[in-house]
Amino acid sequence: MFEAVVNLCLLADPLLCRDILLPGYEAEQITACTEAIVANPPELSVYLAQYIVAAPHCRAAVAAHPYLEIAPGIFVQKGAIDDATIENQGDVANLGFLIGTQSVAVIDAGGSYTVAENLYRAIRRETDLPIRYVFLTHSHPDHIFGVSLFAHLDAQIVAHHRFETTLAHRYGSYLENFGVRAGRANLLGTFLPHVDITIDGSRAFDIGQRQLVVQSWDNAHSGTDITIRDPETGIVFVGDLIFDEHTPTVDASVLGWRQALTTMQAAPYTTAVPGHGGPVLDWSDAVDPVMAYLDVLITDTRDAIARGDSLSDAVKTIGQSEADNWVLFDLYNPRNATVAYTELEWE
């Protein structure tokens, strides 16, 4: 098998280069791959403002990393329980895809273009059906920075109605900070995603004898959260509304997140794919650990405020009883304590 790539070198740093995958040109023979490029040249103008762009060419295809089939036609990959590093290429979030009879839906695109390449290869190992939708569960970089790859396929990007506004304010800092950690070369080819379909409430998407129900959550983990449910199996991709192993991270509202989880407990889910950990959890067991952590954050924060603790003092104590229950606790809990204190001091 052969695949098409194009070499990009950053204009601001011409020694920083990498071949990125151009999806849609896979072929059993290199001549067929080359002929496909000639017959349907890839649109590369989006890269010209930032990169030196070479002519696309074909090479032997790279093997895909394994994905777990958790139900017929539903595949997931567990991201590393870690911060983004050059070694893991930003592959620290759970990703998935669902295959219908007519098309494929992708759940999150990964933390770098490199990660998305593997996701795409995993899809193509299972099916040649077109990729119709890419659902972005929220706007954090470890879930979205690979989405540029799918733009080459004209897949429709689906996200929360506040996604683009929220991301526009943060994209530059995300790209700089996350890129340093995940490796700048792995983010070559990444650009700000355009959302084709926004979710405000609930909406169904049909990929062929598999109808997915997408729900927005306005003020929870990130302020841009959506969940994607497959009613036939009871499986729900919850993004970072549920964490397992990895310390939960609060970006929007600790109270809103807790309320969202309370509402979700009554939903007809049987199995959850969290944004981190798992990657498969019984729904009956999925919510309680995150809810318990949020409850501790809320209680400890209110106690600290009632004592008159300053923010700098409060973050040293808030949530500490949960330290043994989560990985990366010392990295993320102080941030969560800060968000909780800032929110709750105005109650």
C-alpha atoms as a PDB file:
ATOM      1  CA  MET A   1       0.000   0.000   0.000  1.00  0.00           C
ATOM      2  CA  PHE A   2       1.150   3.527  -0.837  1.00  0.00           C
ATOM      3  CA  GLU A   3       0.069   6.938   0.430  1.00  0.00           C
ATOM      4  CA  ALA A   4       0.561  10.558  -0.629  1.00  0.00           C
ATOM      5  CA  VAL A   5       2.546  13.088   1.395  1.00  0.00           C
ATOM      6  CA  VAL A   6       3.773  16.633   1.013  1.00  0.00           C
ATOM      7  CA  ASN A   7       6.829  18.118   2.676  1.00  0.00           C
ATOM      8  CA  LEU A   8       6.224  21.303   4.674  1.00  0.00           C
ATOM      9  CA  CYS A   9       8.994  23.539   6.035  1.00  0.00           C
ATOM     10  CA  LEU A  10       8.109  26.402   8.344  1.00  0.00           C
ATOM     11  CA  LEU A  11       8.861  29.779   6.756  1.00  0.00           C
ATOM     12  CA  ALA A  12       9.897  31.186  10.121  1.00  0.00           C
ATOM     13  CA  ASP A  13      12.259  28.225  10.665  1.00  0.00           C
ATOM     14  CA  PRO A  14      13.111  26.565   7.323  1.00  0.00           C
ATOM     15  CA  LEU A  15      14.999  23.747   9.033  1.00  0.00           C
ATOM     16  CA  LEU A  16      11.781  22.611  10.709  1.00  0.00           C
ATOM     17  CA  CYS A  17      10.264  20.271   8.134  1.00  0.00           C
ATOM     18  CA  ARG A  18       8.111  17.168   7.937  1.00  0.00           C
ATOM     19  CA  ASP A  19       6.224  15.090   5.408  1.00  0.00           C
ATOM     20  CA  ILE A  20       2.509  15.294   6.232  1.00  0.00           C
ATOM     21  CA  LEU A  21      -0.062  12.810   5.016  1.00  0.00           C
ATOM     22  CA  LEU A  22      -2.459  13.840   2.252  1.00  0.00           C
ATOM     23  CA  PRO A  23      -5.482  11.594   2.790  1.00  0.00           C
ATOM     24  CA  GLY A  24      -7.502  10.146  -0.041  1.00  0.00           C
ATOM     25  CA  TYR A  25      -4.736   8.988  -2.378  1.00  0.00           C
ATOM     26  CA  GLU A  26      -4.037   5.520  -0.952  1.00  0.00           C
ATOM     27  CA  ALA A  27      -3.425   2.826  -3.548  1.00  0.00           C
ATOM     28  CA  GLU A  28      -2.019  -0.664  -3.825  1.00  0.00           C
ATOM     29  CA  GLN A  29       0.557   0.457  -6.386  1.00  0.00           C
ATOM     30  CA  ILE A  30       2.719   3.583  -6.359  1.00  0.00           C
ATOM     31  CA  THR A  31       1.772   4.337  -9.964  1.00  0.00           C
ATOM     32  CA  ALA A  32      -1.931   4.462  -9.030  1.00  0.00           C
ATOM     33  CA  CYS A  33      -1.170   6.772  -6.109  1.00  0.00           C
ATOM     34  CA  THR A  34       0.866   9.081  -8.361  1.00  0.00           C
ATOM     35  CA  GLU A  35      -1.808   9.075 -11.047  1.00  0.00           C
ATOM     36  CA  ALA A  36      -4.432  10.005  -8.452  1.00  0.00           C
ATOM     37  CA  ILE A  37      -2.399  13.068  -7.435  1.00  0.00           C
ATOM     38  CA  VAL A  38      -2.132  14.159 -11.084  1.00  0.00           C
ATOM     39  CA  ALA A  39      -5.839  13.559 -11.740  1.00  0.00           C
ATOM     40  CA  ASN A  40      -6.987  15.349  -8.588  1.00  0.00           C
ATOM     41  CA  PRO A  41      -4.238  17.657  -7.271  1.00  0.00           C
ATOM     42  CA  PRO A  42      -4.515  18.410  -3.552  1.00  0.00           C
ATOM     43  CA  GLU A  43      -5.415  21.951  -2.502  1.00  0.00           C
ATOM     44  CA  LEU A  44      -2.269  23.211  -0.768  1.00  0.00           C
ATOM     45  CA  SER A  45      -2.793  26.975  -0.906  1.00  0.00           C
ATOM     46  CA  VAL A  46      -3.870  27.018   2.756  1.00  0.00           C
ATOM     47  CA  TYR A  47      -0.240  26.295   3.679  1.00  0.00           C
ATOM     48  CA  LEU A  48       1.480  28.945   1.541  1.00  0.00           C
ATOM     49  CA  ALA A  49       1.317  31.736   4.126  1.00  0.00           C
ATOM     50  CA  GLN A  50       3.275  29.728   6.704  1.00  0.00           C
ATOM     51  CA  TYR A  51       5.243  27.048   4.884  1.00  0.00           C
ATOM     52  CA  ILE A  52       7.592  26.215   2.074  1.00  0.00           C
ATOM     53  CA  VAL A  53       5.549  23.589   0.256  1.00  0.00           C
ATOM     54  CA  ALA A  54       7.146  20.878  -1.889  1.00  0.00           C
ATOM     55  CA  ALA A  55       5.418  18.898  -4.615  1.00  0.00           C
ATOM     56  CA  PRO A  56       3.333  16.016  -3.257  1.00  0.00           C
ATOM     57  CA  HIS A  57       4.645  12.519  -3.834  1.00  0.00           C
ATOM     58  CA  CYS A  58       3.818   8.925  -2.935  1.00  0.00           C
ATOM     59  CA  ARG A  59       5.642   6.610  -0.556  1.00  0.00           C
ATOM     60  CA  ALA A  60       5.082   3.281   1.162  1.00  0.00           C
ATOM     61  CA  ALA A  61       2.228   3.611   3.624  1.00  0.00           C
ATOM     62  CA  VAL A  62       2.933   3.728   7.349  1.00  0.00           C
ATOM     63  CA  ALA A  63       1.174   1.098   9.446  1.00  0.00           C
ATOM     64  CA  ALA A  64      -1.592   2.332  11.749  1.00  0.00           C
ATOM     65  CA  HIS A  65      -1.437   1.930  15.497  1.00  0.00           C
ATOM     66  CA  PRO A  66      -4.090  -0.405  16.924  1.00  0.00           C
ATOM     67  CA  TYR A  67      -7.605   0.738  17.778  1.00  0.00           C
ATOM     68  CA  LEU A  68      -9.937  -1.294  19.983  1.00  0.00           C
ATOM     69  CA  GLU A  69     -13.310  -2.351  18.551  1.00  0.00           C
ATOM     70  CA  ILE A  70     -15.636  -1.914  21.536  1.00  0.00           C
ATOM     71  CA  ALA A  71     -18.817  -2.809  19.612  1.00  0.00           C
ATOM     72  CA  PRO A  72     -19.425  -3.717  15.962  1.00  0.00           C
ATOM     73  CA  GLY A  73     -18.178  -0.768  13.910  1.00  0.00           C
ATOM     74  CA  ILE A  74     -17.134   1.366  16.917  1.00  0.00           C
ATOM     75  CA  PHE A  75     -13.409   1.827  17.502  1.00  0.00           C
ATOM     76  CA  VAL A  76     -11.468   3.707  20.183  1.00  0.00           C
ATOM     77  CA  GLN A  77      -7.877   4.439  21.113  1.00  0.00           C
ATOM     78  CA  LYS A  78      -6.704   5.250  24.626  1.00  0.00           C
ATOM     79  CA  GLY A  79      -4.428   8.266  24.771  1.00  0.00           C
ATOM     80  CA  ALA A  80      -1.418   8.353  27.060  1.00  0.00           C
ATOM     81  CA  ILE A  81      -2.163   9.348  30.651  1.00  0.00           C
ATOM     82  CA  ASP A  82       0.398  12.107  30.505  1.00  0.00           C
ATOM     83  CA  ASP A  83       0.968  15.698  29.578  1.00  0.00           C
ATOM     84  CA  ALA A  84       1.824  16.233  25.925  1.00  0.00           C
ATOM     85  CA  THR A  85       5.475  15.438  25.134  1.00  0.00           C
ATOM     86  CA  ILE A  86       7.600  15.103  22.030  1.00  0.00           C
ATOM     87  CA  GLU A  87       7.729  11.367  22.704  1.00  0.00           C
ATOM     88  CA  ASN A  88       3.934  10.916  22.722  1.00  0.00           C
ATOM     89  CA  GLN A  89       3.420  13.501  19.940  1.00  0.00           C
ATOM     90  CA  GLY A  90       0.435  14.994  21.776  1.00  0.00           C
ATOM     91  CA  ASP A  91      -1.407  11.663  21.673  1.00  0.00           C
ATOM     92  CA  VAL A  92      -2.911  12.102  25.145  1.00  0.00           C
ATOM     93  CA  ALA A  93      -6.666  12.063  24.494  1.00  0.00           C
ATOM     94  CA  ASN A  94      -8.992   9.211  23.626  1.00  0.00           C
ATOM     95  CA  LEU A  95     -10.107   9.167  19.994  1.00  0.00           C
ATOM     96  CA  GLY A  96     -12.649   7.098  18.137  1.00  0.00           C
ATOM     97  CA  PHE A  97     -14.622   6.460  14.997  1.00  0.00           C
ATOM     98  CA  LEU A  98     -17.942   4.858  14.111  1.00  0.00           C
ATOM     99  CA  ILE A  99     -18.688   3.108  10.833  1.00  0.00           C
ATOM    100  CA  GLY A 100     -22.168   3.202   9.310  1.00  0.00           C
ATOM    101  CA  THR A 101     -23.335   1.626   6.084  1.00  0.00           C
ATOM    102  CA  GLN A 102     -22.795   4.862   4.138  1.00  0.00           C
ATOM    103  CA  SER A 103     -20.062   6.817   5.915  1.00  0.00           C
ATOM    104  CA  VAL A 104     -17.772   7.227   8.921  1.00  0.00           C
ATOM    105  CA  ALA A 105     -17.968   9.591  11.894  1.00  0.00           C
ATOM    106  CA  VAL A 106     -14.801  10.559  13.756  1.00  0.00           C
ATOM    107  CA  ILE A 107     -14.768  11.525  17.422  1.00  0.00           C
ATOM    108  CA  ASP A 108     -11.987  14.069  18.078  1.00  0.00           C
ATOM    109  CA  ALA A 109      -8.907  14.474  15.919  1.00  0.00           C
ATOM    110  CA  GLY A 110      -6.016  14.224  18.374  1.00  0.00           C
ATOM    111  CA  GLY A 111      -3.369  16.570  19.681  1.00  0.00           C
ATOM    112  CA  SER A 112      -1.306  16.920  16.505  1.00  0.00           C
ATOM    113  CA  TYR A 113      -1.395  16.360  12.782  1.00  0.00           C
ATOM    114  CA  THR A 114       0.829  13.340  13.393  1.00  0.00           C
ATOM    115  CA  VAL A 115      -1.776  11.799  15.708  1.00  0.00           C
ATOM    116  CA  ALA A 116      -4.523  12.436  13.149  1.00  0.00           C
ATOM    117  CA  GLU A 117      -2.467  10.631  10.508  1.00  0.00           C
ATOM    118  CA  ASN A 118      -2.554   7.485  12.608  1.00  0.00           C
ATOM    119  CA  LEU A 119      -6.282   7.909  13.241  1.00  0.00           C
ATOM    120  CA  TYR A 120      -6.908   8.211   9.507  1.00  0.00           C
ATOM    121  CA  ARG A 121      -4.801   5.139   8.740  1.00  0.00           C
ATOM    122  CA  ALA A 122      -6.713   3.174  11.382  1.00  0.00           C
ATOM    123  CA  ILE A 123      -9.995   4.151   9.710  1.00  0.00           C
ATOM    124  CA  ARG A 124      -8.739   3.137   6.294  1.00  0.00           C
ATOM    125  CA  ARG A 125      -7.592  -0.202   7.659  1.00  0.00           C
ATOM    126  CA  GLU A 126     -11.251  -0.903   8.509  1.00  0.00           C
ATOM    127  CA  THR A 127     -13.231   0.743   5.703  1.00  0.00           C
ATOM    128  CA  ASP A 128     -13.087   2.719   2.458  1.00  0.00           C
ATOM    129  CA  LEU A 129     -16.336   4.549   3.212  1.00  0.00           C
ATOM    130  CA  PRO A 130     -16.143   8.365   3.119  1.00  0.00           C
ATOM    131  CA  ILE A 131     -15.490  10.234   6.350  1.00  0.00           C
ATOM    132  CA  ARG A 132     -18.544  12.453   6.594  1.00  0.00           C
ATOM    133  CA  TYR A 133     -18.361  14.002  10.063  1.00  0.00           C
ATOM    134  CA  VAL A 134     -15.665  14.909  12.570  1.00  0.00           C
ATOM    135  CA  PHE A 135     -17.192  15.629  15.981  1.00  0.00           C
ATOM    136  CA  LEU A 136     -14.990  17.755  18.239  1.00  0.00           C
ATOM    137  CA  THR A 137     -16.059  17.114  21.824  1.00  0.00           C
ATOM    138  CA  HIS A 138     -14.615  20.448  22.990  1.00  0.00           C
ATOM    139  CA  SER A 139     -12.016  23.070  22.145  1.00  0.00           C
ATOM    140  CA  HIS A 140      -8.895  21.874  23.981  1.00  0.00           C
ATOM    141  CA  PRO A 141      -5.793  21.284  21.843  1.00  0.00           C
ATOM    142  CA  ASP A 142      -5.239  17.624  22.720  1.00  0.00           C
ATOM    143  CA  HIS A 143      -8.592  16.850  21.068  1.00  0.00           C
ATOM    144  CA  ILE A 144      -8.541  19.143  18.020  1.00  0.00           C
ATOM    145  CA  PHE A 145      -5.085  19.858  16.629  1.00  0.00           C
ATOM    146  CA  GLY A 146      -5.278  17.017  14.116  1.00  0.00           C
ATOM    147  CA  VAL A 147      -8.491  18.201  12.503  1.00  0.00           C
ATOM    148  CA  SER A 148      -6.690  19.910   9.605  1.00  0.00           C
ATOM    149  CA  LEU A 149      -6.052  16.513   8.050  1.00  0.00           C
ATOM    150  CA  PHE A 150      -9.768  15.865   7.675  1.00  0.00           C
ATOM    151  CA  ALA A 151     -10.301  19.211   5.952  1.00  0.00           C
ATOM    152  CA  HIS A 152      -8.543  17.674   2.924  1.00  0.00           C
ATOM    153  CA  LEU A 153     -11.432  15.209   2.699  1.00  0.00           C
ATOM    154  CA  ASP A 154     -14.207  17.810   2.909  1.00  0.00           C
ATOM    155  CA  ALA A 155     -15.467  16.143   6.058  1.00  0.00           C
ATOM    156  CA  GLN A 156     -17.934  18.308   7.964  1.00  0.00           C
ATOM    157  CA  ILE A 157     -16.594  19.569  11.275  1.00  0.00           C
ATOM    158  CA  VAL A 158     -19.221  19.490  14.034  1.00  0.00           C
ATOM    159  CA  ALA A 159     -18.751  21.292  17.350  1.00  0.00           C
ATOM    160  CA  HIS A 160     -20.445  23.293  20.099  1.00  0.00           C
ATOM    161  CA  HIS A 161     -22.022  26.609  19.076  1.00  0.00           C
ATOM    162  CA  ARG A 162     -19.431  28.498  21.159  1.00  0.00           C
ATOM    163  CA  PHE A 163     -16.490  26.510  19.855  1.00  0.00           C
ATOM    164  CA  GLU A 164     -15.133  28.921  17.249  1.00  0.00           C
ATOM    165  CA  THR A 165     -15.511  32.033  19.402  1.00  0.00           C
ATOM    166  CA  THR A 166     -13.842  30.373  22.379  1.00  0.00           C
ATOM    167  CA  LEU A 167     -11.009  28.887  20.348  1.00  0.00           C
ATOM    168  CA  ALA A 168     -10.304  32.093  18.410  1.00  0.00           C
ATOM    169  CA  HIS A 169      -9.212  33.810  21.632  1.00  0.00           C
ATOM    170  CA  ARG A 170      -6.941  30.952  22.679  1.00  0.00           C
ATOM    171  CA  TYR A 171      -5.659  29.369  19.490  1.00  0.00           C
ATOM    172  CA  GLY A 172      -2.358  31.249  19.361  1.00  0.00           C
ATOM    173  CA  SER A 173      -1.405  30.407  22.920  1.00  0.00           C
ATOM    174  CA  TYR A 174      -2.589  26.807  22.496  1.00  0.00           C
ATOM    175  CA  LEU A 175      -0.472  26.413  19.373  1.00  0.00           C
ATOM    176  CA  GLU A 176       2.599  27.868  21.043  1.00  0.00           C
ATOM    177  CA  ASN A 177       2.349  26.141  24.417  1.00  0.00           C
ATOM    178  CA  PHE A 178       1.008  22.781  23.303  1.00  0.00           C
ATOM    179  CA  GLY A 179       3.318  22.794  20.280  1.00  0.00           C
ATOM    180  CA  VAL A 180       6.394  23.186  22.452  1.00  0.00           C
ATOM    181  CA  ARG A 181       5.343  20.215  24.563  1.00  0.00           C
ATOM    182  CA  ALA A 182       4.098  17.949  21.766  1.00  0.00           C
ATOM    183  CA  GLY A 183       6.893  18.872  19.368  1.00  0.00           C
ATOM    184  CA  ARG A 184       6.589  21.654  16.820  1.00  0.00           C
ATOM    185  CA  ALA A 185       7.253  19.284  13.926  1.00  0.00           C
ATOM    186  CA  ASN A 186       4.206  17.213  14.881  1.00  0.00           C
ATOM    187  CA  LEU A 187       2.009  20.287  14.521  1.00  0.00           C
ATOM    188  CA  LEU A 188       3.185  21.191  11.024  1.00  0.00           C
ATOM    189  CA  GLY A 189       0.057  21.336   8.886  1.00  0.00           C
ATOM    190  CA  THR A 190      -2.189  22.371  11.783  1.00  0.00           C
ATOM    191  CA  PHE A 191      -4.494  25.340  11.275  1.00  0.00           C
ATOM    192  CA  LEU A 192      -7.508  26.855  13.022  1.00  0.00           C
ATOM    193  CA  PRO A 193     -10.514  24.630  12.306  1.00  0.00           C
ATOM    194  CA  HIS A 194     -13.650  25.991  10.686  1.00  0.00           C
ATOM    195  CA  VAL A 195     -16.848  24.546  12.121  1.00  0.00           C
ATOM    196  CA  ASP A 196     -19.408  23.552   9.504  1.00  0.00           C
ATOM    197  CA  ILE A 197     -22.214  22.504  11.847  1.00  0.00           C
ATOM    198  CA  THR A 198     -22.757  23.953  15.316  1.00  0.00           C
ATOM    199  CA  ILE A 199     -24.669  22.222  18.104  1.00  0.00           C
ATOM    200  CA  ASP A 200     -26.979  24.133  20.425  1.00  0.00           C
ATOM    201  CA  GLY A 201     -29.191  21.569  22.094  1.00  0.00           C
ATOM    202  CA  SER A 202     -29.612  18.140  20.516  1.00  0.00           C
ATOM    203  CA  ARG A 203     -29.287  16.965  16.924  1.00  0.00           C
ATOM    204  CA  ALA A 204     -29.212  13.600  15.123  1.00  0.00           C
ATOM    205  CA  PHE A 205     -26.709  12.594  12.439  1.00  0.00           C
ATOM    206  CA  ASP A 206     -27.190   9.593  10.158  1.00  0.00           C
ATOM    207  CA  ILE A 207     -24.139   7.726   8.818  1.00  0.00           C
ATOM    208  CA  GLY A 208     -26.154   4.852   7.388  1.00  0.00           C
ATOM    209  CA  GLN A 209     -28.132   2.541   9.668  1.00  0.00           C
ATOM    210  CA  ARG A 210     -26.396   4.223  12.591  1.00  0.00           C
ATOM    211  CA  GLN A 211     -27.943   7.429  13.849  1.00  0.00           C
ATOM    212  CA  LEU A 212     -25.884   9.422  16.320  1.00  0.00           C
ATOM    213  CA  VAL A 213     -27.395  11.857  18.821  1.00  0.00           C
ATOM    214  CA  VAL A 214     -25.229  14.876  19.631  1.00  0.00           C
ATOM    215  CA  GLN A 215     -25.921  17.037  22.689  1.00  0.00           C
ATOM    216  CA  SER A 216     -24.348  20.328  23.746  1.00  0.00           C
ATOM    217  CA  TRP A 217     -23.423  21.221  27.331  1.00  0.00           C
ATOM    218  CA  ASP A 218     -22.982  24.948  27.774  1.00  0.00           C
ATOM    219  CA  ASN A 219     -21.223  25.507  31.068  1.00  0.00           C
ATOM    220  CA  ALA A 220     -19.345  22.454  32.257  1.00  0.00           C
ATOM    221  CA  HIS A 221     -15.808  21.181  31.732  1.00  0.00           C
ATOM    222  CA  SER A 222     -14.832  23.615  28.975  1.00  0.00           C
ATOM    223  CA  GLY A 223     -17.878  25.658  28.016  1.00  0.00           C
ATOM    224  CA  THR A 224     -17.755  24.009  24.565  1.00  0.00           C
ATOM    225  CA  ASP A 225     -18.626  20.393  25.392  1.00  0.00           C
ATOM    226  CA  ILE A 226     -20.680  18.026  23.265  1.00  0.00           C
ATOM    227  CA  THR A 227     -21.477  14.346  23.724  1.00  0.00           C
ATOM    228  CA  ILE A 228     -22.086  11.837  20.934  1.00  0.00           C
ATOM    229  CA  ARG A 229     -24.399   8.898  21.650  1.00  0.00           C
ATOM    230  CA  ASP A 230     -25.045   5.772  19.633  1.00  0.00           C
ATOM    231  CA  PRO A 231     -28.575   4.780  20.755  1.00  0.00           C
ATOM    232  CA  GLU A 232     -28.310   1.287  19.287  1.00  0.00           C
ATOM    233  CA  THR A 233     -25.457   0.276  21.605  1.00  0.00           C
ATOM    234  CA  GLY A 234     -25.933   2.758  24.452  1.00  0.00           C
ATOM    235  CA  ILE A 235     -22.340   3.915  23.986  1.00  0.00           C
ATOM    236  CA  VAL A 236     -21.684   7.614  24.555  1.00  0.00           C
ATOM    237  CA  PHE A 237     -18.510   9.514  23.758  1.00  0.00           C
ATOM    238  CA  VAL A 238     -18.424  12.067  26.559  1.00  0.00           C
ATOM    239  CA  GLY A 239     -15.155  13.863  25.852  1.00  0.00           C
ATOM    240  CA  ASP A 240     -13.720  15.475  28.961  1.00  0.00           C
ATOM    241  CA  LEU A 241     -17.009  15.549  30.804  1.00  0.00           C
ATOM    242  CA  ILE A 242     -15.722  12.251  32.210  1.00  0.00           C
ATOM    243  CA  PHE A 243     -12.128  11.526  33.227  1.00  0.00           C
ATOM    244  CA  ASP A 244     -10.699   8.198  34.349  1.00  0.00           C
ATOM    245  CA  GLU A 245      -7.231   7.865  35.942  1.00  0.00           C
ATOM    246  CA  HIS A 246      -6.220  11.338  34.693  1.00  0.00           C
ATOM    247  CA  THR A 247      -7.051  14.198  37.092  1.00  0.00           C
ATOM    248  CA  PRO A 248     -10.146  16.055  35.844  1.00  0.00           C
ATOM    249  CA  THR A 249      -9.451  19.565  34.581  1.00  0.00           C
ATOM    250  CA  VAL A 250     -11.859  22.441  35.147  1.00  0.00           C
ATOM    251  CA  ASP A 251     -11.814  25.137  32.487  1.00  0.00           C
ATOM    252  CA  ALA A 252     -15.323  26.605  32.644  1.00  0.00           C
ATOM    253  CA  SER A 253     -17.421  26.032  35.763  1.00  0.00           C
ATOM    254  CA  VAL A 254     -17.099  23.577  38.636  1.00  0.00           C
ATOM    255  CA  LEU A 255     -20.773  24.122  39.516  1.00  0.00           C
ATOM    256  CA  GLY A 256     -21.919  23.870  35.906  1.00  0.00           C
ATOM    257  CA  TRP A 257     -19.931  20.703  35.363  1.00  0.00           C
ATOM    258  CA  ARG A 258     -21.441  19.106  38.432  1.00  0.00           C
ATOM    259  CA  GLN A 259     -24.926  20.048  37.239  1.00  0.00           C
ATOM    260  CA  ALA A 260     -24.232  18.600  33.781  1.00  0.00           C
ATOM    261  CA  LEU A 261     -23.135  15.294  35.328  1.00  0.00           C
ATOM    262  CA  THR A 262     -26.263  15.239  37.491  1.00  0.00           C
ATOM    263  CA  THR A 263     -28.394  15.635  34.370  1.00  0.00           C
ATOM    264  CA  MET A 264     -26.398  13.011  32.487  1.00  0.00           C
ATOM    265  CA  GLN A 265     -26.894  10.422  35.220  1.00  0.00           C
ATOM    266  CA  ALA A 266     -30.520  10.087  34.119  1.00  0.00           C
ATOM    267  CA  ALA A 267     -29.627   9.640  30.438  1.00  0.00           C
ATOM    268  CA  PRO A 268     -30.070   6.272  28.653  1.00  0.00           C
ATOM    269  CA  TYR A 269     -26.359   5.471  28.484  1.00  0.00           C
ATOM    270  CA  THR A 270     -24.846   2.060  29.176  1.00  0.00           C
ATOM    271  CA  THR A 271     -21.190   2.600  28.289  1.00  0.00           C
ATOM    272  CA  ALA A 272     -19.001   5.701  28.315  1.00  0.00           C
ATOM    273  CA  VAL A 273     -15.871   6.498  26.347  1.00  0.00           C
ATOM    274  CA  PRO A 274     -14.189   9.206  28.461  1.00  0.00           C
ATOM    275  CA  GLY A 275     -11.844  11.830  27.114  1.00  0.00           C
ATOM    276  CA  HIS A 276      -8.981  10.317  29.121  1.00  0.00           C
ATOM    277  CA  GLY A 277      -8.492   6.902  30.696  1.00  0.00           C
ATOM    278  CA  GLY A 278     -10.731   3.904  30.226  1.00  0.00           C
ATOM    279  CA  PRO A 279     -11.172   3.857  27.286  1.00  0.00           C
ATOM    280  CA  VAL A 280     -14.415   1.999  28.045  1.00  0.00           C
ATOM    281  CA  LEU A 281     -16.359   2.457  31.288  1.00  0.00           C
ATOM    282  CA  ASP A 282     -19.654   1.074  32.525  1.00  0.00           C
ATOM    283  CA  TRP A 283     -21.907   4.109  32.732  1.00  0.00           C
ATOM    284  CA  SER A 284     -22.951   3.188  36.256  1.00  0.00           C
ATOM    285  CA  ASP A 285     -19.325   3.556  37.370  1.00  0.00           C
ATOM    286  CA  ALA A 286     -18.236   6.457  35.163  1.00  0.00           C
ATOM    287  CA  VAL A 287     -19.756   9.521  36.808  1.00  0.00           C
ATOM    288  CA  ASP A 288     -19.206   8.937  40.524  1.00  0.00           C
ATOM    289  CA  PRO A 289     -15.407   9.472  40.745  1.00  0.00           C
ATOM    290  CA  VAL A 290     -15.560  12.739  38.807  1.00  0.00           C
ATOM    291  CA  MET A 291     -18.571  13.904  40.809  1.00  0.00           C
ATOM    292  CA  ALA A 292     -16.761  13.089  44.054  1.00  0.00           C
ATOM    293  CA  TYR A 293     -13.741  15.114  42.970  1.00  0.00           C
ATOM    294  CA  LEU A 294     -15.879  18.095  41.985  1.00  0.00           C
ATOM    295  CA  ASP A 295     -17.734  17.892  45.305  1.00  0.00           C
ATOM    296  CA  VAL A 296     -14.432  18.045  47.184  1.00  0.00           C
ATOM    297  CA  LEU A 297     -13.321  21.032  45.091  1.00  0.00           C
ATOM    298  CA  ILE A 298     -16.560  22.853  45.830  1.00  0.00           C
ATOM    299  CA  THR A 299     -16.597  22.077  49.557  1.00  0.00           C
ATOM    300  CA  ASP A 300     -12.915  22.843  50.111  1.00  0.00           C
ATOM    301  CA  THR A 301     -13.129  26.064  48.132  1.00  0.00           C
ATOM    302  CA  ARG A 302     -16.141  27.313  50.048  1.00  0.00           C
ATOM    303  CA  ASP A 303     -14.406  26.461  53.328  1.00  0.00           C
ATOM    304  CA  ALA A 304     -11.266  28.319  52.254  1.00  0.00           C
ATOM    305  CA  ILE A 305     -13.274  31.379  51.249  1.00  0.00           C
ATOM    306  CA  ALA A 306     -15.219  31.286  54.528  1.00  0.00           C
ATOM    307  CA  ARG A 307     -11.903  31.222  56.434  1.00  0.00           C
ATOM    308  CA  GLY A 308     -10.704  34.206  54.476  1.00  0.00           C
ATOM    309  CA  ASP A 309      -7.839  32.304  52.844  1.00  0.00           C
ATOM    310  CA  SER A 310      -6.139  34.113  49.997  1.00  0.00           C
ATOM    311  CA  LEU A 311      -6.099  32.406  46.597  1.00  0.00           C
ATOM    312  CA  SER A 312      -2.396  31.603  46.949  1.00  0.00           C
ATOM    313  CA  ASP A 313      -3.022  29.893  50.288  1.00  0.00           C
ATOM    314  CA  ALA A 314      -6.246  28.192  49.234  1.00  0.00           C
ATOM    315  CA  VAL A 315      -4.749  26.376  46.235  1.00  0.00           C
ATOM    316  CA  LYS A 316      -2.369  24.581  48.603  1.00  0.00           C
ATOM    317  CA  THR A 317      -5.255  22.912  50.447  1.00  0.00           C
ATOM    318  CA  ILE A 318      -8.211  22.661  48.053  1.00  0.00           C
ATOM    319  CA  GLY A 319      -8.806  19.128  46.794  1.00  0.00           C
ATOM    320  CA  GLN A 320      -5.825  17.556  48.536  1.00  0.00           C
ATOM    321  CA  SER A 321      -7.833  14.649  49.967  1.00  0.00           C
ATOM    322  CA  GLU A 322      -8.280  13.434  46.368  1.00  0.00           C
ATOM    323  CA  ALA A 323      -4.551  13.288  45.607  1.00  0.00           C
ATOM    324  CA  ASP A 324      -4.251   9.500  45.792  1.00  0.00           C
ATOM    325  CA  ASN A 325      -7.183   8.932  43.443  1.00  0.00           C
ATOM    326  CA  TRP A 326      -5.798  10.561  40.310  1.00  0.00           C
ATOM    327  CA  VAL A 327      -2.712  10.633  38.073  1.00  0.00           C
ATOM    328  CA  LEU A 328      -1.068  14.019  37.306  1.00  0.00           C
ATOM    329  CA  PHE A 329      -2.750  15.483  40.375  1.00  0.00           C
ATOM    330  CA  ASP A 330       0.002  17.972  41.224  1.00  0.00           C
ATOM    331  CA  LEU A 331      -0.040  19.286  37.662  1.00  0.00           C
ATOM    332  CA  TYR A 332      -3.770  19.902  37.343  1.00  0.00           C
ATOM    333  CA  ASN A 333      -5.306  20.259  40.810  1.00  0.00           C
ATOM    334  CA  PRO A 334      -3.770  23.709  41.520  1.00  0.00           C
ATOM    335  CA  ARG A 335      -5.294  24.986  38.272  1.00  0.00           C
ATOM    336  CA  ASN A 336      -8.659  23.507  39.221  1.00  0.00           C
ATOM    337  CA  ALA A 337      -8.466  25.075  42.665  1.00  0.00           C
ATOM    338  CA  THR A 338      -7.781  28.449  41.067  1.00  0.00           C
ATOM    339  CA  VAL A 339     -10.787  28.145  38.734  1.00  0.00           C
ATOM    340  CA  ALA A 340     -13.041  26.996  41.587  1.00  0.00           C
ATOM    341  CA  TYR A 341     -11.913  29.804  43.906  1.00  0.00           C
ATOM    342  CA  THR A 342     -12.399  32.429  41.214  1.00  0.00           C
ATOM    343  CA  GLU A 343     -15.894  31.140  40.486  1.00  0.00           C
ATOM    344  CA  LEU A 344     -17.113  30.585  44.029  1.00  0.00           C
ATOM    345  CA  GLU A 345     -15.764  33.705  45.722  1.00  0.00           C
ATOM    346  CA  TRP A 346     -18.620  35.626  44.090  1.00  0.00           C
ATOM    347  CA  GLU A 347     -21.442  33.378  45.281  1.00  0.00           C
END
